[in-house]
Amino acid sequence: MLRTSLLVAGLAGALFVLAPAHESAPAPAGPGAVLAMHRELFRALDAGERDAVTRLLGASRAGASFDGDAWGESPGARFFVLDAHDRPVAATKGAAVLDALLAWGAAAESTRIVDAWTDCASAEGGFAALEIARTDANGNERRYRMSSLARHENGGWRLFHCNVAPADAPAAKKTAAK
């Protein structure tokens, strides 16, 4: 009896291992996917990949695709980032948003997420509050805080609102004074 049970269990295990793998459904949208989108954004910014950054930007509230100046005409799309000298830059139109993000990205060799809080209020919308560290070509590290809103559209998460500010106290005071 024991021998038969072991033989049946062994055969079942072998069939399980040898069975062809079926494709699983894509993982549901969630906070981890929002964080992954931000990691991809920072990778693309660090590499200066304009097309990859463009793919990660969402449509405006009015539903226009990201296609240059037509994007962001509504109050739904706002990006408040910093230039290469940590001066505030506000952009709402597509080309200006992309240029501002790429200029900010060009100021760093690498960006890493130090701390993150991401969540999704629904399957279509999520947010991230991040602390990031950016290292320049000389090895100098600066810390920033970033808050963003993302929307799940066209099969992935897309950024449509973003605020970036220095996290270290001296730089934050300097930026606030401008």
N, C-alpha and C. Protein backbone atom coordinates (compact mmCIF):
# COMPACT_ATOMS: atom_id res chain seq x y z
N MET A 1 0.82 -1.19 0.00
CA MET A 1 0.00 0.00 0.00
C MET A 1 0.86 1.25 0.00
N LEU A 2 1.86 1.29 0.90
CA LEU A 2 2.76 2.44 0.98
C LEU A 2 3.53 2.60 -0.32
N ARG A 3 3.94 1.45 -0.88
CA ARG A 3 4.70 1.46 -2.12
C ARG A 3 3.84 2.04 -3.26
N THR A 4 2.57 1.67 -3.32
CA THR A 4 1.66 2.18 -4.34
C THR A 4 1.44 3.67 -4.18
N SER A 5 1.27 4.12 -2.95
CA SER A 5 1.07 5.56 -2.68
C SER A 5 2.28 6.38 -3.10
N LEU A 6 3.46 5.84 -2.80
CA LEU A 6 4.69 6.55 -3.20
C LEU A 6 4.82 6.59 -4.72
N LEU A 7 4.47 5.50 -5.39
CA LEU A 7 4.55 5.45 -6.83
C LEU A 7 3.58 6.45 -7.45
N VAL A 8 2.36 6.51 -6.95
CA VAL A 8 1.36 7.46 -7.47
C VAL A 8 1.81 8.90 -7.22
N ALA A 9 2.32 9.18 -6.04
CA ALA A 9 2.79 10.54 -5.72
C ALA A 9 3.96 10.91 -6.61
N GLY A 10 4.87 9.96 -6.85
CA GLY A 10 6.02 10.22 -7.72
C GLY A 10 5.59 10.50 -9.15
N LEU A 11 4.64 9.72 -9.67
CA LEU A 11 4.13 9.94 -11.03
C LEU A 11 3.42 11.29 -11.14
N ALA A 12 2.64 11.63 -10.14
CA ALA A 12 1.93 12.91 -10.16
C ALA A 12 2.93 14.07 -10.15
N GLY A 13 3.97 13.94 -9.35
CA GLY A 13 5.00 14.97 -9.31
C GLY A 13 5.72 15.10 -10.64
N ALA A 14 6.02 13.96 -11.28
CA ALA A 14 6.70 13.99 -12.57
C ALA A 14 5.81 14.63 -13.63
N LEU A 15 4.53 14.29 -13.62
CA LEU A 15 3.61 14.90 -14.59
C LEU A 15 3.52 16.41 -14.39
N PHE A 16 3.52 16.86 -13.14
CA PHE A 16 3.46 18.29 -12.84
C PHE A 16 4.70 19.00 -13.38
N VAL A 17 5.87 18.39 -13.17
CA VAL A 17 7.12 19.00 -13.61
C VAL A 17 7.22 19.00 -15.13
N LEU A 18 6.75 17.92 -15.76
CA LEU A 18 6.87 17.78 -17.21
C LEU A 18 5.74 18.46 -17.99
N ALA A 19 4.69 18.85 -17.31
CA ALA A 19 3.56 19.47 -17.99
C ALA A 19 4.00 20.79 -18.61
N PRO A 20 3.50 21.09 -19.82
CA PRO A 20 3.89 22.36 -20.44
C PRO A 20 3.39 23.54 -19.62
N ALA A 21 4.24 24.52 -19.50
CA ALA A 21 3.87 25.72 -18.73
C ALA A 21 2.84 26.52 -19.53
N HIS A 22 1.83 26.98 -18.87
CA HIS A 22 0.84 27.82 -19.53
C HIS A 22 1.17 29.28 -19.22
N GLU A 23 0.79 30.12 -20.15
CA GLU A 23 1.04 31.55 -19.93
C GLU A 23 0.09 32.07 -18.89
N SER A 24 0.64 32.76 -17.93
CA SER A 24 -0.22 33.33 -16.90
C SER A 24 -0.65 34.73 -17.32
N ALA A 25 -1.72 35.17 -16.74
CA ALA A 25 -2.21 36.52 -17.03
C ALA A 25 -1.23 37.53 -16.47
N PRO A 26 -1.15 38.72 -17.08
CA PRO A 26 -0.25 39.74 -16.55
C PRO A 26 -0.62 40.10 -15.11
N ALA A 27 0.36 40.46 -14.34
CA ALA A 27 0.12 40.83 -12.95
C ALA A 27 -0.82 42.02 -12.90
N PRO A 28 -1.73 42.04 -11.93
CA PRO A 28 -2.65 43.16 -11.84
C PRO A 28 -1.91 44.45 -11.49
N ALA A 29 -2.50 45.55 -11.92
CA ALA A 29 -1.91 46.85 -11.61
C ALA A 29 -1.93 47.05 -10.11
N GLY A 30 -0.92 47.71 -9.60
CA GLY A 30 -0.87 47.95 -8.17
C GLY A 30 0.32 48.81 -7.80
N PRO A 31 0.54 49.02 -6.51
CA PRO A 31 1.63 49.89 -6.05
C PRO A 31 3.00 49.46 -6.57
N GLY A 32 3.25 48.16 -6.65
CA GLY A 32 4.54 47.68 -7.16
C GLY A 32 4.75 48.08 -8.61
N ALA A 33 3.68 48.07 -9.39
CA ALA A 33 3.78 48.46 -10.80
C ALA A 33 4.04 49.96 -10.93
N VAL A 34 3.46 50.76 -10.05
CA VAL A 34 3.72 52.21 -10.05
C VAL A 34 5.19 52.46 -9.73
N LEU A 35 5.72 51.77 -8.75
CA LEU A 35 7.13 51.91 -8.39
C LEU A 35 8.03 51.47 -9.54
N ALA A 36 7.68 50.38 -10.20
CA ALA A 36 8.46 49.89 -11.34
C ALA A 36 8.47 50.92 -12.47
N MET A 37 7.34 51.60 -12.70
CA MET A 37 7.29 52.64 -13.72
C MET A 37 8.26 53.76 -13.38
N HIS A 38 8.34 54.14 -12.10
CA HIS A 38 9.27 55.20 -11.69
C HIS A 38 10.72 54.76 -11.87
N ARG A 39 11.01 53.50 -11.55
CA ARG A 39 12.38 53.00 -11.77
C ARG A 39 12.74 53.08 -13.25
N GLU A 40 11.81 52.70 -14.10
CA GLU A 40 12.06 52.77 -15.55
C GLU A 40 12.23 54.22 -15.99
N LEU A 41 11.43 55.13 -15.43
CA LEU A 41 11.56 56.54 -15.76
C LEU A 41 12.96 57.05 -15.41
N PHE A 42 13.43 56.75 -14.20
CA PHE A 42 14.76 57.22 -13.79
C PHE A 42 15.86 56.59 -14.65
N ARG A 43 15.71 55.32 -15.00
CA ARG A 43 16.69 54.68 -15.88
C ARG A 43 16.74 55.39 -17.23
N ALA A 44 15.57 55.69 -17.78
CA ALA A 44 15.50 56.37 -19.08
C ALA A 44 16.04 57.80 -18.99
N LEU A 45 15.72 58.50 -17.90
CA LEU A 45 16.24 59.86 -17.73
C LEU A 45 17.75 59.86 -17.61
N ASP A 46 18.29 58.94 -16.81
CA ASP A 46 19.74 58.86 -16.64
C ASP A 46 20.44 58.56 -17.96
N ALA A 47 19.79 57.78 -18.80
CA ALA A 47 20.38 57.41 -20.10
C ALA A 47 20.07 58.44 -21.19
N GLY A 48 19.20 59.42 -20.88
CA GLY A 48 18.83 60.41 -21.89
C GLY A 48 17.99 59.85 -23.01
N GLU A 49 17.20 58.84 -22.74
CA GLU A 49 16.39 58.17 -23.75
C GLU A 49 15.04 58.87 -23.92
N ARG A 50 14.99 59.81 -24.83
CA ARG A 50 13.81 60.64 -25.07
C ARG A 50 12.57 59.80 -25.38
N ASP A 51 12.71 58.80 -26.24
CA ASP A 51 11.55 57.98 -26.62
C ASP A 51 11.02 57.17 -25.44
N ALA A 52 11.93 56.63 -24.62
CA ALA A 52 11.50 55.85 -23.46
C ALA A 52 10.79 56.74 -22.45
N VAL A 53 11.30 57.95 -22.24
CA VAL A 53 10.64 58.89 -21.32
C VAL A 53 9.26 59.25 -21.86
N THR A 54 9.17 59.50 -23.15
CA THR A 54 7.90 59.84 -23.78
C THR A 54 6.86 58.75 -23.56
N ARG A 55 7.26 57.49 -23.68
CA ARG A 55 6.33 56.36 -23.50
C ARG A 55 5.80 56.29 -22.07
N LEU A 56 6.52 56.86 -21.11
CA LEU A 56 6.11 56.79 -19.71
C LEU A 56 5.26 57.98 -19.28
N LEU A 57 5.01 58.91 -20.19
CA LEU A 57 4.17 60.07 -19.88
C LEU A 57 2.76 59.81 -20.36
N GLY A 58 1.80 60.09 -19.51
CA GLY A 58 0.41 59.79 -19.81
C GLY A 58 -0.28 60.86 -20.62
N ALA A 59 -1.50 60.55 -20.97
CA ALA A 59 -2.34 61.52 -21.68
C ALA A 59 -2.79 62.59 -20.69
N SER A 60 -3.16 63.73 -21.21
CA SER A 60 -3.67 64.78 -20.34
C SER A 60 -5.07 64.41 -19.88
N ARG A 61 -5.61 65.18 -18.96
CA ARG A 61 -6.96 64.91 -18.48
C ARG A 61 -7.96 64.98 -19.63
N ALA A 62 -7.67 65.80 -20.62
CA ALA A 62 -8.56 65.94 -21.77
C ALA A 62 -8.48 64.73 -22.70
N GLY A 63 -7.51 63.82 -22.45
CA GLY A 63 -7.42 62.62 -23.26
C GLY A 63 -6.50 62.72 -24.45
N ALA A 64 -5.83 63.85 -24.64
CA ALA A 64 -4.90 63.98 -25.76
C ALA A 64 -3.70 63.09 -25.52
N SER A 65 -3.18 62.50 -26.58
CA SER A 65 -1.98 61.69 -26.46
C SER A 65 -0.78 62.60 -26.25
N PHE A 66 0.31 62.02 -25.73
CA PHE A 66 1.51 62.81 -25.58
C PHE A 66 2.12 63.00 -26.96
N ASP A 67 1.85 64.14 -27.56
CA ASP A 67 2.36 64.40 -28.91
C ASP A 67 2.80 65.86 -29.03
N GLY A 68 3.64 66.27 -28.13
CA GLY A 68 4.16 67.62 -28.22
C GLY A 68 3.24 68.62 -27.57
N ASP A 69 3.07 69.79 -28.18
CA ASP A 69 2.36 70.88 -27.55
C ASP A 69 0.86 70.66 -27.38
N ALA A 70 0.29 69.68 -28.07
CA ALA A 70 -1.15 69.41 -27.90
C ALA A 70 -1.41 68.78 -26.54
N TRP A 71 -0.40 68.16 -25.95
CA TRP A 71 -0.55 67.45 -24.68
C TRP A 71 -0.53 68.45 -23.54
N GLY A 72 -1.34 68.22 -22.57
CA GLY A 72 -1.28 69.03 -21.37
C GLY A 72 -1.98 70.36 -21.46
N GLU A 73 -2.85 70.55 -22.43
CA GLU A 73 -3.56 71.82 -22.54
C GLU A 73 -4.56 72.00 -21.39
N SER A 74 -5.01 70.89 -20.83
CA SER A 74 -5.97 70.98 -19.73
C SER A 74 -5.22 71.13 -18.41
N PRO A 75 -5.92 71.49 -17.34
CA PRO A 75 -5.25 71.61 -16.05
C PRO A 75 -4.84 70.28 -15.45
N GLY A 76 -5.07 69.17 -16.13
CA GLY A 76 -4.77 67.86 -15.58
C GLY A 76 -3.31 67.48 -15.58
N ALA A 77 -2.51 68.06 -16.42
CA ALA A 77 -1.12 67.64 -16.53
C ALA A 77 -0.20 68.76 -16.07
N ARG A 78 0.54 68.51 -15.02
CA ARG A 78 1.44 69.52 -14.47
C ARG A 78 2.72 68.84 -14.02
N PHE A 79 3.83 69.42 -14.37
CA PHE A 79 5.12 68.92 -13.95
C PHE A 79 5.91 70.07 -13.35
N PHE A 80 6.30 69.92 -12.10
CA PHE A 80 7.13 70.90 -11.41
C PHE A 80 8.43 70.19 -11.07
N VAL A 81 9.44 70.44 -11.86
CA VAL A 81 10.72 69.77 -11.68
C VAL A 81 11.80 70.82 -11.46
N LEU A 82 13.03 70.40 -11.48
CA LEU A 82 14.15 71.31 -11.29
C LEU A 82 15.04 71.27 -12.52
N ASP A 83 15.71 72.39 -12.80
CA ASP A 83 16.66 72.37 -13.91
C ASP A 83 18.00 71.84 -13.40
N ALA A 84 19.01 71.87 -14.25
CA ALA A 84 20.32 71.32 -13.90
C ALA A 84 20.96 72.05 -12.71
N HIS A 85 20.47 73.25 -12.39
CA HIS A 85 21.01 74.03 -11.28
C HIS A 85 20.05 74.07 -10.09
N ASP A 86 19.10 73.15 -10.06
CA ASP A 86 18.10 73.03 -9.00
C ASP A 86 17.17 74.24 -8.90
N ARG A 87 16.96 74.92 -10.00
CA ARG A 87 15.98 76.01 -10.03
C ARG A 87 14.64 75.41 -10.46
N PRO A 88 13.55 75.86 -9.85
CA PRO A 88 12.24 75.30 -10.19
C PRO A 88 11.83 75.60 -11.64
N VAL A 89 11.23 74.61 -12.26
CA VAL A 89 10.71 74.73 -13.63
C VAL A 89 9.31 74.14 -13.61
N ALA A 90 8.34 74.90 -14.10
CA ALA A 90 6.97 74.39 -14.22
C ALA A 90 6.68 74.20 -15.71
N ALA A 91 6.10 73.07 -16.05
CA ALA A 91 5.78 72.79 -17.45
C ALA A 91 4.43 72.12 -17.54
N THR A 92 3.67 72.50 -18.54
CA THR A 92 2.36 71.88 -18.76
C THR A 92 2.20 71.36 -20.17
N LYS A 93 2.91 71.90 -21.12
CA LYS A 93 2.77 71.45 -22.51
C LYS A 93 3.76 70.34 -22.78
N GLY A 94 3.39 69.42 -23.65
CA GLY A 94 4.17 68.21 -23.89
C GLY A 94 5.64 68.41 -24.13
N ALA A 95 6.01 69.25 -25.11
CA ALA A 95 7.42 69.44 -25.43
C ALA A 95 8.17 70.05 -24.25
N ALA A 96 7.54 71.00 -23.56
CA ALA A 96 8.18 71.64 -22.41
C ALA A 96 8.37 70.65 -21.27
N VAL A 97 7.38 69.77 -21.04
CA VAL A 97 7.50 68.75 -20.00
C VAL A 97 8.66 67.82 -20.31
N LEU A 98 8.70 67.34 -21.53
CA LEU A 98 9.75 66.41 -21.93
C LEU A 98 11.12 67.06 -21.84
N ASP A 99 11.25 68.28 -22.32
CA ASP A 99 12.53 68.99 -22.25
C ASP A 99 12.96 69.22 -20.81
N ALA A 100 12.02 69.60 -19.93
CA ALA A 100 12.34 69.84 -18.53
C ALA A 100 12.80 68.55 -17.85
N LEU A 101 12.10 67.46 -18.09
CA LEU A 101 12.48 66.19 -17.49
C LEU A 101 13.85 65.73 -17.98
N LEU A 102 14.08 65.84 -19.29
CA LEU A 102 15.37 65.40 -19.83
C LEU A 102 16.52 66.29 -19.37
N ALA A 103 16.29 67.59 -19.22
CA ALA A 103 17.35 68.48 -18.72
C ALA A 103 17.69 68.12 -17.28
N TRP A 104 16.66 67.85 -16.49
CA TRP A 104 16.89 67.45 -15.10
C TRP A 104 17.62 66.10 -15.07
N GLY A 105 17.22 65.19 -15.92
CA GLY A 105 17.85 63.88 -15.98
C GLY A 105 19.31 63.95 -16.40
N ALA A 106 19.64 64.87 -17.30
CA ALA A 106 21.01 64.99 -17.79
C ALA A 106 21.98 65.44 -16.72
N ALA A 107 21.48 66.03 -15.65
CA ALA A 107 22.34 66.54 -14.58
C ALA A 107 22.87 65.41 -13.68
N ALA A 108 22.43 64.18 -13.89
CA ALA A 108 22.85 63.08 -13.03
C ALA A 108 23.37 61.91 -13.85
N GLU A 109 24.32 61.20 -13.27
CA GLU A 109 24.82 59.97 -13.87
C GLU A 109 23.89 58.81 -13.50
N SER A 110 23.40 58.84 -12.26
CA SER A 110 22.52 57.76 -11.82
C SER A 110 21.54 58.27 -10.77
N THR A 111 20.40 57.62 -10.75
CA THR A 111 19.34 57.95 -9.80
C THR A 111 18.90 56.66 -9.12
N ARG A 112 18.76 56.72 -7.81
CA ARG A 112 18.26 55.54 -7.10
C ARG A 112 17.15 55.98 -6.15
N ILE A 113 16.21 55.11 -5.96
CA ILE A 113 15.11 55.38 -5.04
C ILE A 113 15.56 54.95 -3.65
N VAL A 114 15.56 55.91 -2.72
CA VAL A 114 16.00 55.66 -1.35
C VAL A 114 14.82 55.20 -0.50
N ASP A 115 13.69 55.83 -0.68
CA ASP A 115 12.50 55.50 0.10
C ASP A 115 11.29 55.73 -0.79
N ALA A 116 10.27 54.93 -0.62
CA ALA A 116 9.09 55.05 -1.48
C ALA A 116 7.82 54.69 -0.73
N TRP A 117 6.78 55.41 -1.07
CA TRP A 117 5.43 55.07 -0.63
C TRP A 117 4.57 55.18 -1.88
N THR A 118 4.07 54.06 -2.34
CA THR A 118 3.21 54.04 -3.52
C THR A 118 1.90 53.37 -3.14
N ASP A 119 0.84 53.79 -3.81
CA ASP A 119 -0.45 53.17 -3.57
C ASP A 119 -1.34 53.42 -4.78
N CYS A 120 -2.39 52.66 -4.86
CA CYS A 120 -3.37 52.81 -5.93
C CYS A 120 -4.76 52.91 -5.31
N ALA A 121 -5.43 54.00 -5.59
CA ALA A 121 -6.80 54.17 -5.10
C ALA A 121 -7.77 53.33 -5.93
N SER A 122 -7.35 52.99 -7.13
CA SER A 122 -8.15 52.15 -8.02
C SER A 122 -7.20 51.47 -8.99
N ALA A 123 -7.74 50.63 -9.86
CA ALA A 123 -6.91 49.97 -10.86
C ALA A 123 -6.42 50.96 -11.91
N GLU A 124 -7.04 52.13 -11.98
CA GLU A 124 -6.68 53.11 -13.01
C GLU A 124 -5.78 54.23 -12.51
N GLY A 125 -5.69 54.45 -11.20
CA GLY A 125 -4.93 55.59 -10.70
C GLY A 125 -4.07 55.24 -9.51
N GLY A 126 -2.88 55.84 -9.46
CA GLY A 126 -1.99 55.59 -8.35
C GLY A 126 -1.11 56.80 -8.09
N PHE A 127 -0.38 56.75 -6.98
CA PHE A 127 0.53 57.84 -6.65
C PHE A 127 1.82 57.26 -6.08
N ALA A 128 2.84 58.12 -6.07
CA ALA A 128 4.11 57.76 -5.45
C ALA A 128 4.65 58.98 -4.72
N ALA A 129 5.18 58.75 -3.54
CA ALA A 129 5.94 59.75 -2.81
C ALA A 129 7.32 59.12 -2.61
N LEU A 130 8.32 59.71 -3.23
CA LEU A 130 9.65 59.11 -3.27
C LEU A 130 10.70 60.03 -2.69
N GLU A 131 11.72 59.44 -2.11
CA GLU A 131 12.95 60.16 -1.85
C GLU A 131 13.97 59.50 -2.76
N ILE A 132 14.65 60.31 -3.54
CA ILE A 132 15.60 59.77 -4.50
C ILE A 132 16.97 60.39 -4.27
N ALA A 133 18.00 59.66 -4.62
CA ALA A 133 19.37 60.15 -4.56
C ALA A 133 19.91 60.16 -5.98
N ARG A 134 20.46 61.29 -6.38
CA ARG A 134 21.02 61.43 -7.73
C ARG A 134 22.51 61.71 -7.59
N THR A 135 23.30 60.99 -8.34
CA THR A 135 24.75 61.13 -8.29
C THR A 135 25.23 61.70 -9.62
N ASP A 136 26.05 62.77 -9.55
CA ASP A 136 26.56 63.38 -10.78
C ASP A 136 27.87 62.72 -11.21
N ALA A 137 28.44 63.17 -12.30
CA ALA A 137 29.65 62.57 -12.86
C ALA A 137 30.84 62.66 -11.91
N ASN A 138 30.83 63.61 -10.97
CA ASN A 138 31.93 63.75 -10.01
C ASN A 138 31.71 62.93 -8.74
N GLY A 139 30.62 62.18 -8.68
CA GLY A 139 30.34 61.36 -7.52
C GLY A 139 29.59 62.09 -6.41
N ASN A 140 29.19 63.33 -6.66
CA ASN A 140 28.42 64.09 -5.66
C ASN A 140 26.97 63.61 -5.65
N GLU A 141 26.45 63.37 -4.47
CA GLU A 141 25.07 62.90 -4.34
C GLU A 141 24.18 64.01 -3.79
N ARG A 142 23.01 64.14 -4.41
CA ARG A 142 21.97 65.07 -3.93
C ARG A 142 20.71 64.27 -3.71
N ARG A 143 19.94 64.66 -2.72
CA ARG A 143 18.68 63.98 -2.42
C ARG A 143 17.52 64.89 -2.80
N TYR A 144 16.47 64.27 -3.28
CA TYR A 144 15.27 64.98 -3.72
C TYR A 144 14.04 64.23 -3.22
N ARG A 145 12.95 64.97 -3.12
CA ARG A 145 11.64 64.38 -2.85
C ARG A 145 10.81 64.56 -4.11
N MET A 146 10.07 63.53 -4.42
CA MET A 146 9.24 63.57 -5.62
C MET A 146 7.88 63.00 -5.27
N SER A 147 6.85 63.72 -5.66
CA SER A 147 5.49 63.18 -5.54
C SER A 147 4.91 63.16 -6.94
N SER A 148 4.18 62.12 -7.25
CA SER A 148 3.66 62.01 -8.61
C SER A 148 2.32 61.28 -8.62
N LEU A 149 1.59 61.54 -9.66
CA LEU A 149 0.33 60.85 -9.94
C LEU A 149 0.50 60.10 -11.25
N ALA A 150 -0.03 58.90 -11.29
CA ALA A 150 0.08 58.09 -12.50
C ALA A 150 -1.29 57.49 -12.81
N ARG A 151 -1.46 57.20 -14.08
CA ARG A 151 -2.72 56.63 -14.55
C ARG A 151 -2.39 55.37 -15.33
N HIS A 152 -3.20 54.33 -15.17
CA HIS A 152 -3.00 53.11 -15.94
C HIS A 152 -3.74 53.26 -17.26
N GLU A 153 -2.98 53.32 -18.34
CA GLU A 153 -3.59 53.49 -19.67
C GLU A 153 -2.72 52.80 -20.70
N ASN A 154 -3.32 52.34 -21.75
CA ASN A 154 -2.61 51.66 -22.84
C ASN A 154 -1.72 50.53 -22.33
N GLY A 155 -2.19 49.78 -21.35
CA GLY A 155 -1.46 48.61 -20.87
C GLY A 155 -0.33 48.88 -19.90
N GLY A 156 -0.18 50.10 -19.43
CA GLY A 156 0.90 50.37 -18.48
C GLY A 156 0.65 51.64 -17.69
N TRP A 157 1.50 51.89 -16.71
CA TRP A 157 1.38 53.10 -15.89
C TRP A 157 2.07 54.25 -16.59
N ARG A 158 1.40 55.42 -16.60
CA ARG A 158 1.92 56.62 -17.25
C ARG A 158 1.84 57.78 -16.27
N LEU A 159 2.89 58.55 -16.21
CA LEU A 159 2.99 59.70 -15.32
C LEU A 159 2.25 60.89 -15.92
N PHE A 160 1.41 61.56 -15.11
CA PHE A 160 0.77 62.76 -15.64
C PHE A 160 0.88 63.96 -14.71
N HIS A 161 1.44 63.79 -13.53
CA HIS A 161 1.63 64.93 -12.63
C HIS A 161 2.84 64.61 -11.76
N CYS A 162 3.71 65.61 -11.58
CA CYS A 162 4.95 65.35 -10.86
C CYS A 162 5.47 66.62 -10.21
N ASN A 163 5.92 66.50 -8.96
CA ASN A 163 6.58 67.60 -8.25
C ASN A 163 7.92 67.08 -7.74
N VAL A 164 8.99 67.84 -7.95
CA VAL A 164 10.31 67.47 -7.46
C VAL A 164 10.86 68.65 -6.68
N ALA A 165 11.46 68.36 -5.52
CA ALA A 165 12.07 69.41 -4.69
C ALA A 165 13.30 68.83 -4.00
N PRO A 166 14.28 69.69 -3.70
CA PRO A 166 15.45 69.20 -2.96
C PRO A 166 15.04 68.69 -1.59
N ALA A 167 15.68 67.63 -1.13
CA ALA A 167 15.36 67.06 0.18
C ALA A 167 16.30 67.56 1.26
N ASP A 168 17.50 67.99 0.87
CA ASP A 168 18.43 68.49 1.88
C ASP A 168 18.07 69.92 2.24
N ALA A 169 18.15 70.26 3.51
CA ALA A 169 17.66 71.55 4.01
C ALA A 169 18.28 72.77 3.34
N PRO A 170 19.61 72.87 3.14
CA PRO A 170 20.16 74.08 2.52
C PRO A 170 19.62 74.31 1.10
N ALA A 171 19.55 73.24 0.31
CA ALA A 171 19.05 73.39 -1.06
C ALA A 171 17.57 73.73 -1.07
N ALA A 172 16.81 73.14 -0.16
CA ALA A 172 15.37 73.42 -0.09
C ALA A 172 15.12 74.89 0.24
N LYS A 173 15.89 75.45 1.18
CA LYS A 173 15.73 76.87 1.51
C LYS A 173 16.10 77.76 0.33
N LYS A 174 17.16 77.39 -0.38
CA LYS A 174 17.61 78.15 -1.54
C LYS A 174 16.54 78.13 -2.63
N THR A 175 15.94 76.96 -2.89
CA THR A 175 14.91 76.83 -3.92
C THR A 175 13.65 77.62 -3.52
N ALA A 176 13.27 77.55 -2.24
CA ALA A 176 12.07 78.25 -1.77
C ALA A 176 12.23 79.75 -1.89
N ALA A 177 13.44 80.25 -1.78
CA ALA A 177 13.68 81.69 -1.83
C ALA A 177 13.57 82.23 -3.26
N LYS A 178 13.61 81.36 -4.25
CA LYS A 178 13.59 81.82 -5.66
C LYS A 178 12.19 82.09 -6.13
